[in-house]
Amino acid sequence: TGEFDTFYLEGAVRRLAGTLKELGSDAEVLVVPDRNHRDLLTKDLRHKIMRTMSQMYLAAHGGGEKVSGRPTVRRRVGIRQSSVPARAR
C-alpha cells in the first residue's frame, strides 16, 4: 500500500507485516513512501511484482533455464498456452 493510502489501509498493512514477521514468513510487505491507493503501482513496481511472481511460479512448477535472471521460455501465468495466439508467445 502507499504511505498516504486514501482507503485507510496503511495501518492494516503494517499490522499484517508485523504478524507475518512474527510467524516467520518470508513475505515482503511494502508501504511505499509518498504514494496513495491510486498512484501506487509505478512501472518499476509492476515489473518487480511480475518478476517475483514469475520466479515463484517457475520454482514451483518448473520452466526454462534462467539466463541473466530471466526464464528462457516465457509463458503468461494463468493462461493456457493453447489459448495464447502464436504471435503473442
PDB file of N, CA and C in Angstrom:
ATOM      1  N   THR A   1       0.844  -1.173   0.000  1.00  0.00           N
ATOM      2  CA  THR A   1       0.000   0.000   0.000  1.00  0.00           C
ATOM      3  C   THR A   1       0.887   1.232   0.000  1.00  0.00           C
ATOM      4  N   GLY A   2       0.277   2.349  -0.281  1.00  0.00           N
ATOM      5  CA  GLY A   2       1.020   3.602  -0.238  1.00  0.00           C
ATOM      6  C   GLY A   2       0.985   4.201   1.161  1.00  0.00           C
ATOM      7  N   GLU A   3       1.995   4.987   1.467  1.00  0.00           N
ATOM      8  CA  GLU A   3       2.085   5.638   2.774  1.00  0.00           C
ATOM      9  C   GLU A   3       0.871   6.540   3.028  1.00  0.00           C
ATOM     10  N   PHE A   4       0.345   7.125   1.966  1.00  0.00           N
ATOM     11  CA  PHE A   4      -0.803   8.021   2.085  1.00  0.00           C
ATOM     12  C   PHE A   4      -2.057   7.378   1.500  1.00  0.00           C
ATOM     13  N   ASP A   5      -2.294   6.121   1.800  1.00  0.00           N
ATOM     14  CA  ASP A   5      -3.415   5.366   1.239  1.00  0.00           C
ATOM     15  C   ASP A   5      -4.739   6.034   1.573  1.00  0.00           C
ATOM     16  N   THR A   6      -5.497   6.375   0.536  1.00  0.00           N
ATOM     17  CA  THR A   6      -6.783   7.055   0.709  1.00  0.00           C
ATOM     18  C   THR A   6      -7.904   6.101   1.097  1.00  0.00           C
ATOM     19  N   PHE A   7      -7.628   4.808   1.121  1.00  0.00           N
ATOM     20  CA  PHE A   7      -8.612   3.820   1.573  1.00  0.00           C
ATOM     21  C   PHE A   7      -8.316   3.397   3.012  1.00  0.00           C
ATOM     22  N   TYR A   8      -7.374   4.107   3.652  1.00  0.00           N
ATOM     23  CA  TYR A   8      -7.018   3.889   5.062  1.00  0.00           C
ATOM     24  C   TYR A   8      -6.536   2.458   5.321  1.00  0.00           C
ATOM     25  N   LEU A   9      -5.730   1.935   4.421  1.00  0.00           N
ATOM     26  CA  LEU A   9      -5.232   0.565   4.554  1.00  0.00           C
ATOM     27  C   LEU A   9      -3.831   0.491   5.145  1.00  0.00           C
ATOM     28  N   GLU A  10      -3.180   1.628   5.308  1.00  0.00           N
ATOM     29  CA  GLU A  10      -1.791   1.614   5.779  1.00  0.00           C
ATOM     30  C   GLU A  10      -1.645   0.913   7.126  1.00  0.00           C
ATOM     31  N   GLY A  11      -2.525   1.225   8.075  1.00  0.00           N
ATOM     32  CA  GLY A  11      -2.447   0.600   9.400  1.00  0.00           C
ATOM     33  C   GLY A  11      -2.628  -0.905   9.334  1.00  0.00           C
ATOM     34  N   ALA A  12      -3.605  -1.346   8.550  1.00  0.00           N
ATOM     35  CA  ALA A  12      -3.860  -2.783   8.407  1.00  0.00           C
ATOM     36  C   ALA A  12      -2.671  -3.483   7.755  1.00  0.00           C
ATOM     37  N   VAL A  13      -2.069  -2.831   6.778  1.00  0.00           N
ATOM     38  CA  VAL A  13      -0.925  -3.427   6.092  1.00  0.00           C
ATOM     39  C   VAL A  13       0.269  -3.527   7.039  1.00  0.00           C
ATOM     40  N   ARG A  14       0.474  -2.508   7.859  1.00  0.00           N
ATOM     41  CA  ARG A  14       1.581  -2.563   8.834  1.00  0.00           C
ATOM     42  C   ARG A  14       1.342  -3.681   9.860  1.00  0.00           C
ATOM     43  N   ARG A  15       0.089  -3.860  10.293  1.00  0.00           N
ATOM     44  CA  ARG A  15      -0.229  -4.961  11.223  1.00  0.00           C
ATOM     45  C   ARG A  15       0.014  -6.309  10.558  1.00  0.00           C
ATOM     46  N   LEU A  16      -0.414  -6.434   9.305  1.00  0.00           N
ATOM     47  CA  LEU A  16      -0.190  -7.668   8.555  1.00  0.00           C
ATOM     48  C   LEU A  16       1.304  -7.969   8.463  1.00  0.00           C
ATOM     49  N   ALA A  17       2.104  -6.957   8.150  1.00  0.00           N
ATOM     50  CA  ALA A  17       3.552  -7.144   8.048  1.00  0.00           C
ATOM     51  C   ALA A  17       4.127  -7.628   9.378  1.00  0.00           C
ATOM     52  N   GLY A  18       3.676  -7.038  10.479  1.00  0.00           N
ATOM     53  CA  GLY A  18       4.153  -7.452  11.799  1.00  0.00           C
ATOM     54  C   GLY A  18       3.774  -8.879  12.131  1.00  0.00           C
ATOM     55  N   THR A  19       2.536  -9.241  11.834  1.00  0.00           N
ATOM     56  CA  THR A  19       2.065 -10.602  12.109  1.00  0.00           C
ATOM     57  C   THR A  19       2.829 -11.621  11.267  1.00  0.00           C
ATOM     58  N   LEU A  20       3.017 -11.321   9.984  1.00  0.00           N
ATOM     59  CA  LEU A  20       3.761 -12.235   9.117  1.00  0.00           C
ATOM     60  C   LEU A  20       5.192 -12.420   9.610  1.00  0.00           C
ATOM     61  N   LYS A  21       5.803 -11.325  10.066  1.00  0.00           N
ATOM     62  CA  LYS A  21       7.169 -11.411  10.588  1.00  0.00           C
ATOM     63  C   LYS A  21       7.214 -12.287  11.840  1.00  0.00           C
ATOM     64  N   GLU A  22       6.238 -12.097  12.744  1.00  0.00           N
ATOM     65  CA  GLU A  22       6.167 -12.916  13.962  1.00  0.00           C
ATOM     66  C   GLU A  22       6.018 -14.395  13.637  1.00  0.00           C
ATOM     67  N   LEU A  23       5.300 -14.695  12.567  1.00  0.00           N
ATOM     68  CA  LEU A  23       5.065 -16.080  12.170  1.00  0.00           C
ATOM     69  C   LEU A  23       6.232 -16.673  11.375  1.00  0.00           C
ATOM     70  N   GLY A  24       7.242 -15.854  11.104  1.00  0.00           N
ATOM     71  CA  GLY A  24       8.411 -16.348  10.387  1.00  0.00           C
ATOM     72  C   GLY A  24       8.257 -16.377   8.879  1.00  0.00           C
ATOM     73  N   SER A  25       7.288 -15.648   8.354  1.00  0.00           N
ATOM     74  CA  SER A  25       7.057 -15.628   6.914  1.00  0.00           C
ATOM     75  C   SER A  25       8.165 -14.863   6.199  1.00  0.00           C
ATOM     76  N   ASP A  26       8.435 -15.257   4.952  1.00  0.00           N
ATOM     77  CA  ASP A  26       9.402 -14.523   4.144  1.00  0.00           C
ATOM     78  C   ASP A  26       8.705 -13.560   3.182  1.00  0.00           C
ATOM     79  N   ALA A  27       7.424 -13.301   3.423  1.00  0.00           N
ATOM     80  CA  ALA A  27       6.656 -12.385   2.578  1.00  0.00           C
ATOM     81  C   ALA A  27       7.234 -10.979   2.665  1.00  0.00           C
ATOM     82  N   GLU A  28       7.201 -10.277   1.547  1.00  0.00           N
ATOM     83  CA  GLU A  28       7.672  -8.895   1.510  1.00  0.00           C
ATOM     84  C   GLU A  28       6.454  -7.985   1.456  1.00  0.00           C
ATOM     85  N   VAL A  29       6.274  -7.177   2.480  1.00  0.00           N
ATOM     86  CA  VAL A  29       5.150  -6.245   2.553  1.00  0.00           C
ATOM     87  C   VAL A  29       5.727  -4.841   2.451  1.00  0.00           C
ATOM     88  N   LEU A  30       5.270  -4.086   1.458  1.00  0.00           N
ATOM     89  CA  LEU A  30       5.805  -2.755   1.232  1.00  0.00           C
ATOM     90  C   LEU A  30       4.775  -1.680   1.533  1.00  0.00           C
ATOM     91  N   VAL A  31       5.202  -0.644   2.228  1.00  0.00           N
ATOM     92  CA  VAL A  31       4.429   0.587   2.361  1.00  0.00           C
ATOM     93  C   VAL A  31       5.261   1.615   1.609  1.00  0.00           C
ATOM     94  N   VAL A  32       4.770   2.026   0.455  1.00  0.00           N
ATOM     95  CA  VAL A  32       5.542   2.864  -0.454  1.00  0.00           C
ATOM     96  C   VAL A  32       5.413   4.335  -0.054  1.00  0.00           C
ATOM     97  N   PRO A  33       6.539   4.994   0.219  1.00  0.00           N
ATOM     98  CA  PRO A  33       6.503   6.406   0.617  1.00  0.00           C
ATOM     99  C   PRO A  33       5.926   7.302  -0.482  1.00  0.00           C
ATOM    100  N   ASP A  34       5.235   8.338  -0.063  1.00  0.00           N
ATOM    101  CA  ASP A  34       4.712   9.381  -0.960  1.00  0.00           C
ATOM    102  C   ASP A  34       3.746   8.859  -2.019  1.00  0.00           C
ATOM    103  N   ARG A  35       3.103   7.732  -1.770  1.00  0.00           N
ATOM    104  CA  ARG A  35       2.112   7.182  -2.711  1.00  0.00           C
ATOM    105  C   ARG A  35       0.806   6.943  -1.983  1.00  0.00           C
ATOM    106  N   ASN A  36      -0.295   6.959  -2.747  1.00  0.00           N
ATOM    107  CA  ASN A  36      -1.593   6.651  -2.164  1.00  0.00           C
ATOM    108  C   ASN A  36      -2.185   5.445  -2.877  1.00  0.00           C
ATOM    109  N   HIS A  37      -3.442   5.152  -2.625  1.00  0.00           N
ATOM    110  CA  HIS A  37      -4.075   3.963  -3.196  1.00  0.00           C
ATOM    111  C   HIS A  37      -4.155   4.053  -4.720  1.00  0.00           C
ATOM    112  N   ARG A  38      -4.263   5.259  -5.226  1.00  0.00           N
ATOM    113  CA  ARG A  38      -4.481   5.454  -6.656  1.00  0.00           C
ATOM    114  C   ARG A  38      -3.189   5.437  -7.487  1.00  0.00           C
ATOM    115  N   ASP A  39      -2.109   5.980  -6.959  1.00  0.00           N
ATOM    116  CA  ASP A  39      -0.883   6.090  -7.755  1.00  0.00           C
ATOM    117  C   ASP A  39       0.226   5.145  -7.290  1.00  0.00           C
ATOM    118  N   LEU A  40      -0.156   4.093  -6.603  1.00  0.00           N
ATOM    119  CA  LEU A  40       0.807   3.168  -6.001  1.00  0.00           C
ATOM    120  C   LEU A  40       1.641   2.410  -7.025  1.00  0.00           C
ATOM    121  N   LEU A  41       0.993   1.842  -8.037  1.00  0.00           N
ATOM    122  CA  LEU A  41       1.694   0.945  -8.958  1.00  0.00           C
ATOM    123  C   LEU A  41       2.413   1.710 -10.061  1.00  0.00           C
ATOM    124  N   THR A  42       3.701   1.920  -9.858  1.00  0.00           N
ATOM    125  CA  THR A  42       4.537   2.510 -10.891  1.00  0.00           C
ATOM    126  C   THR A  42       4.964   1.398 -11.846  1.00  0.00           C
ATOM    127  N   LYS A  43       5.522   1.782 -12.963  1.00  0.00           N
ATOM    128  CA  LYS A  43       6.001   0.793 -13.934  1.00  0.00           C
ATOM    129  C   LYS A  43       7.049  -0.123 -13.294  1.00  0.00           C
ATOM    130  N   ASP A  44       7.974   0.467 -12.534  1.00  0.00           N
ATOM    131  CA  ASP A  44       9.023  -0.330 -11.885  1.00  0.00           C
ATOM    132  C   ASP A  44       8.448  -1.311 -10.869  1.00  0.00           C
ATOM    133  N   LEU A  45       7.472  -0.863 -10.077  1.00  0.00           N
ATOM    134  CA  LEU A  45       6.876  -1.748  -9.074  1.00  0.00           C
ATOM    135  C   LEU A  45       6.094  -2.880  -9.741  1.00  0.00           C
ATOM    136  N   ARG A  46       5.369  -2.568 -10.820  1.00  0.00           N
ATOM    137  CA  ARG A  46       4.648  -3.624 -11.563  1.00  0.00           C
ATOM    138  C   ARG A  46       5.622  -4.668 -12.087  1.00  0.00           C
ATOM    139  N   HIS A  47       6.745  -4.215 -12.650  1.00  0.00           N
ATOM    140  CA  HIS A  47       7.747  -5.154 -13.178  1.00  0.00           C
ATOM    141  C   HIS A  47       8.347  -5.994 -12.061  1.00  0.00           C
ATOM    142  N   LYS A  48       8.611  -5.380 -10.913  1.00  0.00           N
ATOM    143  CA  LYS A  48       9.157  -6.127  -9.775  1.00  0.00           C
ATOM    144  C   LYS A  48       8.175  -7.205  -9.326  1.00  0.00           C
ATOM    145  N   ILE A  49       6.893  -6.862  -9.246  1.00  0.00           N
ATOM    146  CA  ILE A  49       5.864  -7.825  -8.836  1.00  0.00           C
ATOM    147  C   ILE A  49       5.789  -8.977  -9.837  1.00  0.00           C
ATOM    148  N   MET A  50       5.761  -8.657 -11.129  1.00  0.00           N
ATOM    149  CA  MET A  50       5.670  -9.707 -12.152  1.00  0.00           C
ATOM    150  C   MET A  50       6.911 -10.600 -12.151  1.00  0.00           C
ATOM    151  N   ARG A  51       8.100 -10.004 -11.965  1.00  0.00           N
ATOM    152  CA  ARG A  51       9.331 -10.794 -11.893  1.00  0.00           C
ATOM    153  C   ARG A  51       9.279 -11.768 -10.729  1.00  0.00           C
ATOM    154  N   THR A  52       8.866 -11.257  -9.569  1.00  0.00           N
ATOM    155  CA  THR A  52       8.796 -12.100  -8.375  1.00  0.00           C
ATOM    156  C   THR A  52       7.781 -13.218  -8.561  1.00  0.00           C
ATOM    157  N   MET A  53       6.602 -12.882  -9.091  1.00  0.00           N
ATOM    158  CA  MET A  53       5.568 -13.899  -9.314  1.00  0.00           C
ATOM    159  C   MET A  53       6.050 -14.951 -10.308  1.00  0.00           C
ATOM    160  N   SER A  54       6.705 -14.518 -11.369  1.00  0.00           N
ATOM    161  CA  SER A  54       7.201 -15.461 -12.377  1.00  0.00           C
ATOM    162  C   SER A  54       8.258 -16.388 -11.796  1.00  0.00           C
ATOM    163  N   GLN A  55       9.180 -15.831 -11.003  1.00  0.00           N
ATOM    164  CA  GLN A  55      10.219 -16.656 -10.389  1.00  0.00           C
ATOM    165  C   GLN A  55       9.619 -17.681  -9.436  1.00  0.00           C
ATOM    166  N   MET A  56       8.624 -17.271  -8.664  1.00  0.00           N
ATOM    167  CA  MET A  56       7.981 -18.201  -7.731  1.00  0.00           C
ATOM    168  C   MET A  56       7.220 -19.286  -8.489  1.00  0.00           C
ATOM    169  N   TYR A  57       6.537 -18.912  -9.561  1.00  0.00           N
ATOM    170  CA  TYR A  57       5.800 -19.882 -10.369  1.00  0.00           C
ATOM    171  C   TYR A  57       6.764 -20.902 -10.972  1.00  0.00           C
ATOM    172  N   LEU A  58       7.850 -20.404 -11.570  1.00  0.00           N
ATOM    173  CA  LEU A  58       8.814 -21.309 -12.197  1.00  0.00           C
ATOM    174  C   LEU A  58       9.483 -22.215 -11.173  1.00  0.00           C
ATOM    175  N   ALA A  59       9.751 -21.693  -9.986  1.00  0.00           N
ATOM    176  CA  ALA A  59      10.354 -22.517  -8.934  1.00  0.00           C
ATOM    177  C   ALA A  59       9.404 -23.634  -8.515  1.00  0.00           C
ATOM    178  N   ALA A  60       8.112 -23.346  -8.492  1.00  0.00           N
ATOM    179  CA  ALA A  60       7.125 -24.333  -8.050  1.00  0.00           C
ATOM    180  C   ALA A  60       6.730 -25.304  -9.158  1.00  0.00           C
ATOM    181  N   HIS A  61       6.699 -24.836 -10.406  1.00  0.00           N
ATOM    182  CA  HIS A  61       6.158 -25.644 -11.495  1.00  0.00           C
ATOM    183  C   HIS A  61       7.171 -25.974 -12.583  1.00  0.00           C
ATOM    184  N   GLY A  62       8.410 -25.548 -12.419  1.00  0.00           N
ATOM    185  CA  GLY A  62       9.422 -25.829 -13.430  1.00  0.00           C
ATOM    186  C   GLY A  62       9.296 -24.887 -14.603  1.00  0.00           C
ATOM    187  N   GLY A  63      10.320 -24.855 -15.403  1.00  0.00           N
ATOM    188  CA  GLY A  63      10.307 -23.972 -16.562  1.00  0.00           C
ATOM    189  C   GLY A  63      11.659 -23.990 -17.223  1.00  0.00           C
ATOM    190  N   GLY A  64      11.876 -23.054 -18.114  1.00  0.00           N
ATOM    191  CA  GLY A  64      13.138 -22.971 -18.823  1.00  0.00           C
ATOM    192  C   GLY A  64      14.274 -22.594 -17.894  1.00  0.00           C
ATOM    193  N   GLU A  65      15.499 -22.877 -18.352  1.00  0.00           N
ATOM    194  CA  GLU A  65      16.667 -22.478 -17.565  1.00  0.00           C
ATOM    195  C   GLU A  65      16.756 -20.967 -17.584  1.00  0.00           C
ATOM    196  N   LYS A  66      17.303 -20.417 -16.523  1.00  0.00           N
ATOM    197  CA  LYS A  66      17.388 -18.966 -16.435  1.00  0.00           C
ATOM    198  C   LYS A  66      18.700 -18.476 -17.032  1.00  0.00           C
ATOM    199  N   VAL A  67      18.603 -17.416 -17.796  1.00  0.00           N
ATOM    200  CA  VAL A  67      19.760 -16.737 -18.347  1.00  0.00           C
ATOM    201  C   VAL A  67      19.622 -15.282 -17.939  1.00  0.00           C
ATOM    202  N   SER A  68      20.595 -14.761 -17.248  1.00  0.00           N
ATOM    203  CA  SER A  68      20.557 -13.378 -16.763  1.00  0.00           C
ATOM    204  C   SER A  68      19.321 -13.116 -15.914  1.00  0.00           C
ATOM    205  N   GLY A  69      18.902 -14.092 -15.120  1.00  0.00           N
ATOM    206  CA  GLY A  69      17.777 -13.899 -14.222  1.00  0.00           C
ATOM    207  C   GLY A  69      16.421 -13.964 -14.887  1.00  0.00           C
ATOM    208  N   ARG A  70      16.368 -14.271 -16.178  1.00  0.00           N
ATOM    209  CA  ARG A  70      15.083 -14.342 -16.871  1.00  0.00           C
ATOM    210  C   ARG A  70      14.895 -15.747 -17.436  1.00  0.00           C
ATOM    211  N   PRO A  71      13.685 -16.260 -17.403  1.00  0.00           N
ATOM    212  CA  PRO A  71      13.449 -17.588 -17.971  1.00  0.00           C
ATOM    213  C   PRO A  71      13.634 -17.565 -19.483  1.00  0.00           C
ATOM    214  N   THR A  72      14.160 -18.660 -20.038  1.00  0.00           N
ATOM    215  CA  THR A  72      14.331 -18.727 -21.481  1.00  0.00           C
ATOM    216  C   THR A  72      13.004 -18.989 -22.168  1.00  0.00           C
ATOM    217  N   VAL A  73      12.078 -19.616 -21.481  1.00  0.00           N
ATOM    218  CA  VAL A  73      10.747 -19.861 -22.023  1.00  0.00           C
ATOM    219  C   VAL A  73       9.801 -18.902 -21.325  1.00  0.00           C
ATOM    220  N   ARG A  74       9.173 -18.024 -22.085  1.00  0.00           N
ATOM    221  CA  ARG A  74       8.279 -17.047 -21.476  1.00  0.00           C
ATOM    222  C   ARG A  74       6.846 -17.515 -21.653  1.00  0.00           C
ATOM    223  N   ARG A  75       6.149 -17.623 -20.565  1.00  0.00           N
ATOM    224  CA  ARG A  75       4.750 -18.017 -20.583  1.00  0.00           C
ATOM    225  C   ARG A  75       3.947 -16.996 -19.822  1.00  0.00           C
ATOM    226  N   ARG A  76       2.722 -16.841 -20.211  1.00  0.00           N
ATOM    227  CA  ARG A  76       1.817 -15.983 -19.465  1.00  0.00           C
ATOM    228  C   ARG A  76       1.197 -16.819 -18.364  1.00  0.00           C
ATOM    229  N   VAL A  77       1.424 -16.426 -17.139  1.00  0.00           N
ATOM    230  CA  VAL A  77       0.919 -17.166 -15.990  1.00  0.00           C
ATOM    231  C   VAL A  77      -0.596 -17.084 -15.966  1.00  0.00           C
ATOM    232  N   GLY A  78      -1.247 -18.230 -15.764  1.00  0.00           N
ATOM    233  CA  GLY A  78      -2.694 -18.259 -15.631  1.00  0.00           C
ATOM    234  C   GLY A  78      -3.437 -18.384 -16.944  1.00  0.00           C
ATOM    235  N   ILE A  79      -2.726 -18.467 -18.057  1.00  0.00           N
ATOM    236  CA  ILE A  79      -3.371 -18.606 -19.362  1.00  0.00           C
ATOM    237  C   ILE A  79      -2.873 -19.895 -19.986  1.00  0.00           C
ATOM    238  N   ARG A  80      -3.795 -20.715 -20.427  1.00  0.00           N
ATOM    239  CA  ARG A  80      -3.386 -21.947 -21.104  1.00  0.00           C
ATOM    240  C   ARG A  80      -2.624 -21.586 -22.363  1.00  0.00           C
ATOM    241  N   GLN A  81      -1.526 -22.280 -22.593  1.00  0.00           N
ATOM    242  CA  GLN A  81      -0.670 -21.973 -23.730  1.00  0.00           C
ATOM    243  C   GLN A  81      -1.448 -22.031 -25.042  1.00  0.00           C
ATOM    244  N   SER A  82      -2.365 -22.987 -25.185  1.00  0.00           N
ATOM    245  CA  SER A  82      -3.105 -23.128 -26.436  1.00  0.00           C
ATOM    246  C   SER A  82      -4.049 -21.959 -26.690  1.00  0.00           C
ATOM    247  N   SER A  83      -4.422 -21.216 -25.638  1.00  0.00           N
ATOM    248  CA  SER A  83      -5.339 -20.098 -25.829  1.00  0.00           C
ATOM    249  C   SER A  83      -4.610 -18.797 -26.154  1.00  0.00           C
ATOM    250  N   VAL A  84      -3.278 -18.831 -26.147  1.00  0.00           N
ATOM    251  CA  VAL A  84      -2.495 -17.641 -26.460  1.00  0.00           C
ATOM    252  C   VAL A  84      -2.174 -17.675 -27.949  1.00  0.00           C
ATOM    253  N   PRO A  85      -2.530 -16.630 -28.696  1.00  0.00           N
ATOM    254  CA  PRO A  85      -2.222 -16.614 -30.128  1.00  0.00           C
ATOM    255  C   PRO A  85      -0.723 -16.780 -30.362  1.00  0.00           C
ATOM    256  N   ALA A  86      -0.356 -17.430 -31.471  1.00  0.00           N
ATOM    257  CA  ALA A  86       1.045 -17.722 -31.765  1.00  0.00           C
ATOM    258  C   ALA A  86       1.901 -16.464 -31.752  1.00  0.00           C
ATOM    259  N   ARG A  87       1.382 -15.347 -32.247  1.00  0.00           N
ATOM    260  CA  ARG A  87       2.177 -14.113 -32.298  1.00  0.00           C
ATOM    261  C   ARG A  87       2.470 -13.560 -30.903  1.00  0.00           C
ATOM    262  N   ALA A  88       1.702 -13.983 -29.897  1.00  0.00           N
ATOM    263  CA  ALA A  88       1.891 -13.481 -28.531  1.00  0.00           C
ATOM    264  C   ALA A  88       2.805 -14.373 -27.708  1.00  0.00           C
ATOM    265  N   ARG A  89       3.168 -15.545 -28.226  1.00  0.00           N
ATOM    266  CA  ARG A  89       4.015 -16.470 -27.455  1.00  0.00           C
ATOM    267  C   ARG A  89       5.455 -16.098 -27.511  1.00  0.00           C
TER     268      ARG A  89
END
